[in-house]
């Protein structure tokens, strides 16, 4: 099943135009990237989803095929953006490693993250259901992992890309385990 671009365009149009911090979440609504926008969340997310001038796309850190949800955290005080981004990054990265290359400094106050102002689904339920099948997800993740490794080896040998590569490898292992659990064979499970 292909991407319903009309649905995505309409969904992105619901995102706030305010400045702030946003989270790109995967098909399971698990955060995979935290970013900030000083020119409006909607505009920044739209650039990510269309691959227009987005470093995280260019560096293969994120696969937009997996982005199903966007969480928004408007923050009108530009001086508080870095602090909010760091708070959200560290809260979510502890649960499931994010593909962000740069790690913001941990905030002194380790308060739980605030609730998002919006959680917008940017793909149809049918597309999401199709993509979450291990038969779709594992090969896609394997392909993306191979692409980010190639990018690291041939284009940009950096700690940011290496960190994203590690996050994608963890996701690949997770999807591999899910695929193994579907097997009717009694093949021995390999240790992780």
Protein backbone atom coordinates (compact mmCIF):
# COMPACT_ATOMS: atom_id res chain seq x y z
CA UNK A 1 0.00 0.00 0.00
CA UNK A 2 1.36 3.40 -0.98
CA UNK A 3 1.38 6.64 0.95
CA UNK A 4 -1.87 8.59 0.88
CA UNK A 5 -0.32 12.01 0.26
CA UNK A 6 -3.68 13.82 0.40
CA UNK A 7 -4.33 12.39 3.88
CA UNK A 8 -0.84 13.33 5.04
CA UNK A 9 -1.15 16.85 3.65
CA UNK A 10 -4.48 17.35 5.44
CA UNK A 11 -3.07 15.90 8.68
CA UNK A 12 0.04 18.12 8.58
CA UNK A 13 -2.23 21.13 7.98
CA UNK A 14 -3.69 20.47 11.45
CA UNK A 15 -0.31 20.97 13.13
CA UNK A 16 0.25 24.22 14.93
CA UNK A 17 2.13 27.03 13.20
CA UNK A 18 3.60 28.07 16.56
CA UNK A 19 7.28 27.70 17.33
CA UNK A 20 8.19 24.89 19.66
CA UNK A 21 9.36 21.33 19.96
CA UNK A 22 7.95 18.35 18.09
CA UNK A 23 8.30 14.60 18.22
CA UNK A 24 8.21 12.31 15.21
CA UNK A 25 6.77 8.97 16.31
CA UNK A 26 6.77 5.65 14.51
CA UNK A 27 4.01 3.28 13.47
CA UNK A 28 3.58 2.19 17.11
CA UNK A 29 3.42 5.84 18.27
CA UNK A 30 6.86 5.48 19.87
CA UNK A 31 9.04 8.61 19.65
CA UNK A 32 12.01 8.24 17.32
CA UNK A 33 13.11 11.87 16.88
CA UNK A 34 12.80 15.10 18.88
CA UNK A 35 13.36 18.42 17.15
CA UNK A 36 12.60 22.09 17.53
CA UNK A 37 11.41 24.75 15.16
CA UNK A 38 11.94 28.47 15.44
CA UNK A 39 9.87 29.12 12.31
CA UNK A 40 6.79 27.04 13.11
CA UNK A 41 6.25 23.37 13.87
CA UNK A 42 3.97 22.74 10.87
CA UNK A 43 6.50 24.13 8.40
CA UNK A 44 9.40 22.14 9.91
CA UNK A 45 7.51 18.84 10.02
CA UNK A 46 6.31 19.37 6.47
CA UNK A 47 9.95 19.71 5.36
CA UNK A 48 10.81 16.45 7.13
CA UNK A 49 7.94 14.53 5.56
CA UNK A 50 8.71 15.79 2.06
CA UNK A 51 12.48 15.39 2.51
CA UNK A 52 12.92 19.05 1.61
CA UNK A 53 16.11 20.45 3.15
CA UNK A 54 16.15 18.10 6.10
CA UNK A 55 19.52 17.02 7.51
CA UNK A 56 18.05 14.02 9.32
CA UNK A 57 16.68 12.72 6.03
CA UNK A 58 19.83 13.54 4.04
CA UNK A 59 22.00 11.76 6.63
CA UNK A 60 19.69 8.71 6.57
CA UNK A 61 19.00 9.19 10.29
CA UNK A 62 15.26 8.82 9.82
CA UNK A 63 13.07 6.85 7.45
CA UNK A 64 9.89 8.83 6.82
CA UNK A 65 8.18 5.55 5.85
CA UNK A 66 7.97 4.88 9.62
CA UNK A 67 6.58 8.29 10.68
CA UNK A 68 2.91 7.85 11.58
CA UNK A 69 2.43 10.43 14.36
CA UNK A 70 3.62 13.93 15.21
CA UNK A 71 3.44 15.30 18.76
CA UNK A 72 3.65 19.07 19.27
CA UNK A 73 4.84 21.15 22.20
CA UNK A 74 4.34 24.85 21.39
CA UNK A 75 6.79 27.08 23.23
CA UNK A 76 6.42 30.80 22.51
CA UNK A 77 9.53 31.62 24.57
CA UNK A 78 12.46 31.03 22.18
CA UNK A 79 14.85 31.02 25.12
CA UNK A 80 13.08 27.93 26.54
CA UNK A 81 13.22 25.85 23.34
CA UNK A 82 16.58 24.20 24.03
CA UNK A 83 15.55 23.31 27.58
CA UNK A 84 12.22 21.76 26.45
CA UNK A 85 13.90 19.85 23.63
CA UNK A 86 16.49 18.47 26.07
CA UNK A 87 13.82 17.50 28.58
CA UNK A 88 11.81 15.61 25.96
CA UNK A 89 14.89 14.06 24.36
CA UNK A 90 16.19 12.57 27.60
CA UNK A 91 12.78 11.34 28.72
CA UNK A 92 12.05 9.55 25.44
CA UNK A 93 15.61 8.38 24.66
CA UNK A 94 15.66 6.40 27.91
CA UNK A 95 12.60 4.42 26.76
CA UNK A 96 13.70 3.78 23.17
CA UNK A 97 16.87 5.20 21.64
CA UNK A 98 16.11 8.16 19.40
CA UNK A 99 17.74 8.68 16.03
CA UNK A 100 18.77 12.23 16.90
CA UNK A 101 22.44 12.60 16.17
CA UNK A 102 23.22 15.32 18.66
CA UNK A 103 22.54 14.74 22.33
CA UNK A 104 21.37 17.83 24.18
CA UNK A 105 22.76 18.41 27.65
CA UNK A 106 20.60 16.76 30.30
CA UNK A 107 18.48 19.35 32.11
CA UNK A 108 19.20 19.93 35.78
CA UNK A 109 15.53 19.44 36.62
CA UNK A 110 14.68 15.93 35.42
CA UNK A 111 10.93 16.51 35.59
CA UNK A 112 8.63 14.21 33.64
CA UNK A 113 7.84 15.50 30.17
CA UNK A 114 4.72 17.62 29.68
CA UNK A 115 1.81 16.25 27.71
CA UNK A 116 1.85 17.19 24.04
CA UNK A 117 -0.56 19.88 22.86
CA UNK A 118 -1.32 17.76 19.81
CA UNK A 119 -0.86 14.20 18.63
CA UNK A 120 -1.62 14.09 14.92
CA UNK A 121 -1.68 10.86 12.92
CA UNK A 122 -0.09 11.56 9.53
CA UNK A 123 -0.97 8.32 7.75
CA UNK A 124 -4.21 6.43 7.32
CA UNK A 125 -5.12 3.57 9.64
CA UNK A 126 -5.01 1.18 6.67
CA UNK A 127 -1.50 2.26 5.68
CA UNK A 128 -0.31 2.02 9.27
CA UNK A 129 -1.82 -1.45 9.70
CA UNK A 130 -0.19 -2.63 6.47
CA UNK A 131 3.22 -1.26 7.42
CA UNK A 132 3.24 -2.73 10.95
CA UNK A 133 3.18 -6.29 9.61
CA UNK A 134 6.59 -7.89 10.21
CA UNK A 135 6.66 -8.95 6.56
CA UNK A 136 6.71 -5.25 5.59
CA UNK A 137 8.57 -3.76 8.50
CA UNK A 138 11.61 -6.03 8.83
CA UNK A 139 12.72 -5.79 5.18
CA UNK A 140 12.17 -2.02 5.19
CA UNK A 141 14.21 -1.62 8.38
CA UNK A 142 16.97 -3.89 7.01
CA UNK A 143 17.11 -1.79 3.85
CA UNK A 144 17.22 1.45 5.83
CA UNK A 145 19.91 0.09 8.13
CA UNK A 146 22.00 -0.88 5.09
CA UNK A 147 21.51 2.63 3.65
CA UNK A 148 22.63 4.37 6.84
CA UNK A 149 25.68 2.09 7.13
CA UNK A 150 26.60 2.89 3.53
CA UNK A 151 26.10 6.60 4.20
CA UNK A 152 28.36 6.35 7.27
CA UNK A 153 31.08 4.49 5.37
CA UNK A 154 31.08 6.48 2.14
CA UNK A 155 29.73 9.96 2.87
CA UNK A 156 29.65 11.07 6.48
CA UNK A 157 31.67 9.30 9.15
CA UNK A 158 30.29 11.19 12.15
CA UNK A 159 29.23 10.49 15.71
CA UNK A 160 25.72 11.76 14.85
CA UNK A 161 25.23 9.24 12.05
CA UNK A 162 26.84 6.49 14.15
CA UNK A 163 24.37 7.16 16.97
CA UNK A 164 21.44 6.98 14.56
CA UNK A 165 22.92 3.80 13.11
CA UNK A 166 22.90 2.24 16.58
CA UNK A 167 19.27 3.25 17.11
CA UNK A 168 18.28 1.69 13.79
CA UNK A 169 20.17 -1.51 14.62
CA UNK A 170 18.18 -1.82 17.85
CA UNK A 171 14.95 -1.36 15.85
CA UNK A 172 16.14 -3.99 13.35
CA UNK A 173 16.72 -6.47 16.18
CA UNK A 174 13.25 -5.77 17.56
CA UNK A 175 11.56 -6.36 14.21
CA UNK A 176 13.67 -9.47 13.65
CA UNK A 177 12.46 -10.89 16.96
CA UNK A 178 8.87 -10.11 15.98
CA UNK A 179 9.34 -11.96 12.69
CA UNK A 180 10.89 -14.94 14.50
CA UNK A 181 7.89 -15.15 16.80
CA UNK A 182 5.68 -15.71 13.74
CA UNK A 183 7.68 -18.72 12.60
CA UNK A 184 6.04 -22.10 12.97
CA UNK A 185 9.43 -23.78 13.04
CA UNK A 186 11.03 -24.67 16.31
CA UNK A 187 14.25 -22.96 15.31
CA UNK A 188 16.39 -21.97 18.28
CA UNK A 189 16.24 -18.30 19.18
CA UNK A 190 19.57 -16.54 18.93
CA UNK A 191 20.69 -14.48 21.93
CA UNK A 192 20.63 -10.71 21.52
